[in-house]
């Protein structure tokens, strides 16, 4: 199985946890997880990623490899998001998306097929 990892933004803590609760109730185990942490570090994201791999039945070695690969190849993006998190203040989280590639593709296809 292949995985994708991307930093997607900064969010207030309460908003992030509210979204997590709502998405967990409406779409359990869809293959896409959103991770939040107070620090934009590789260790922080690895810790949060490793906590979701058992419940999703994901290969933890491949997930770790995906996160590390992102970290090694996207230094400009990481610096940008570290700066945005610092600007946002202590009551915010940096949010990343970790997904099974096929589930992420399905999610994007659903979005493209919606009438707005």
Protein backbone atom coordinates (compact mmCIF):
# COMPACT_ATOMS: atom_id res chain seq x y z
CA UNK A 1 0.00 0.00 0.00
CA UNK A 2 1.25 3.52 -0.80
CA UNK A 3 0.70 6.54 1.41
CA UNK A 4 0.69 10.31 1.00
CA UNK A 5 1.65 12.91 3.61
CA UNK A 6 1.20 16.67 3.26
CA UNK A 7 1.10 19.62 5.62
CA UNK A 8 -2.19 21.35 4.87
CA UNK A 9 -2.45 24.25 7.29
CA UNK A 10 -2.72 25.75 10.73
CA UNK A 11 -5.88 25.43 12.79
CA UNK A 12 -7.15 26.51 16.20
CA UNK A 13 -7.01 23.53 18.56
CA UNK A 14 -10.75 23.46 19.28
CA UNK A 15 -11.70 23.70 15.61
CA UNK A 16 -9.36 20.82 14.72
CA UNK A 17 -10.71 18.53 17.43
CA UNK A 18 -14.31 19.41 16.54
CA UNK A 19 -13.62 18.49 12.91
CA UNK A 20 -11.99 15.23 14.02
CA UNK A 21 -15.05 14.31 16.06
CA UNK A 22 -17.45 15.12 13.24
CA UNK A 23 -15.48 13.29 10.58
CA UNK A 24 -14.98 10.26 12.84
CA UNK A 25 -18.72 9.96 13.37
CA UNK A 26 -19.73 10.45 9.76
CA UNK A 27 -16.88 8.65 7.94
CA UNK A 28 -15.13 6.09 10.13
CA UNK A 29 -11.90 4.59 8.72
CA UNK A 30 -12.04 6.08 5.22
CA UNK A 31 -8.27 5.83 4.68
CA UNK A 32 -7.53 9.51 5.25
CA UNK A 33 -6.37 10.85 8.61
CA UNK A 34 -5.70 14.41 9.69
CA UNK A 35 -2.90 14.85 12.19
CA UNK A 36 -2.44 17.86 14.45
CA UNK A 37 0.54 18.83 16.58
CA UNK A 38 1.69 21.91 18.47
CA UNK A 39 5.19 21.73 16.97
CA UNK A 40 6.20 21.46 13.34
CA UNK A 41 8.91 18.83 13.74
CA UNK A 42 9.57 15.48 12.16
CA UNK A 43 9.46 13.77 15.56
CA UNK A 44 6.06 15.27 16.39
CA UNK A 45 4.53 14.12 13.10
CA UNK A 46 6.09 10.67 13.35
CA UNK A 47 4.61 10.29 16.83
CA UNK A 48 1.13 11.27 15.70
CA UNK A 49 1.37 9.18 12.53
CA UNK A 50 2.42 6.10 14.48
CA UNK A 51 -0.59 6.51 16.75
CA UNK A 52 -3.06 6.15 13.83
CA UNK A 53 -1.42 3.26 11.97
CA UNK A 54 -2.83 0.50 14.23
CA UNK A 55 -6.43 1.72 14.06
CA UNK A 56 -6.19 2.07 10.26
CA UNK A 57 -4.36 -1.26 9.82
CA UNK A 58 -1.63 0.55 7.91
CA UNK A 59 1.95 -0.63 7.50
CA UNK A 60 3.73 1.50 10.07
CA UNK A 61 7.16 1.19 8.40
CA UNK A 62 5.77 2.52 5.11
CA UNK A 63 3.93 5.33 6.89
CA UNK A 64 7.12 6.38 8.69
CA UNK A 65 9.04 6.21 5.41
CA UNK A 66 6.42 8.41 3.72
CA UNK A 67 6.59 11.07 6.46
CA UNK A 68 10.40 11.08 6.45
CA UNK A 69 10.49 11.29 2.67
CA UNK A 70 8.18 14.31 2.75
CA UNK A 71 10.38 15.91 5.39
CA UNK A 72 13.56 15.36 3.39
CA UNK A 73 12.12 16.69 0.11
CA UNK A 74 10.03 19.70 1.18
CA UNK A 75 12.19 21.96 3.31
CA UNK A 76 10.71 25.18 1.85
CA UNK A 77 7.17 24.08 2.64
CA UNK A 78 8.15 22.98 6.14
CA UNK A 79 9.85 26.34 6.87
CA UNK A 80 6.77 28.16 5.58
CA UNK A 81 4.39 26.19 7.81
CA UNK A 82 6.68 26.50 10.85
CA UNK A 83 6.54 30.25 10.38
CA UNK A 84 2.74 30.28 9.98
CA UNK A 85 2.35 28.19 13.16
CA UNK A 86 4.60 30.56 15.09
CA UNK A 87 2.61 33.55 13.79
CA UNK A 88 -0.69 31.90 14.76
CA UNK A 89 0.21 31.50 18.44
CA UNK A 90 0.12 28.78 21.05
CA UNK A 91 -3.59 27.91 20.75
CA UNK A 92 -3.10 26.51 17.26
CA UNK A 93 -1.93 23.29 15.66
CA UNK A 94 -0.11 22.48 12.47
CA UNK A 95 -2.30 20.05 10.53
CA UNK A 96 -1.17 17.38 8.11
CA UNK A 97 -3.00 14.81 6.04
CA UNK A 98 -1.86 11.18 6.00
CA UNK A 99 -3.68 8.94 3.58
CA UNK A 100 -3.75 5.70 1.71
CA UNK A 101 -3.21 6.88 -1.89
CA UNK A 102 -6.29 5.04 -3.20
CA UNK A 103 -8.52 6.51 -0.48
CA UNK A 104 -7.16 10.00 -1.16
CA UNK A 105 -7.80 9.58 -4.87
CA UNK A 106 -11.39 8.53 -4.14
CA UNK A 107 -11.87 11.55 -1.86
CA UNK A 108 -10.64 13.91 -4.58
CA UNK A 109 -12.87 12.25 -7.19
CA UNK A 110 -15.89 12.71 -4.93
CA UNK A 111 -15.05 16.40 -4.54
CA UNK A 112 -14.69 16.85 -8.30
CA UNK A 113 -18.05 15.19 -8.94
CA UNK A 114 -19.99 17.36 -6.51
CA UNK A 115 -22.23 20.11 -7.81
CA UNK A 116 -21.57 23.40 -6.07
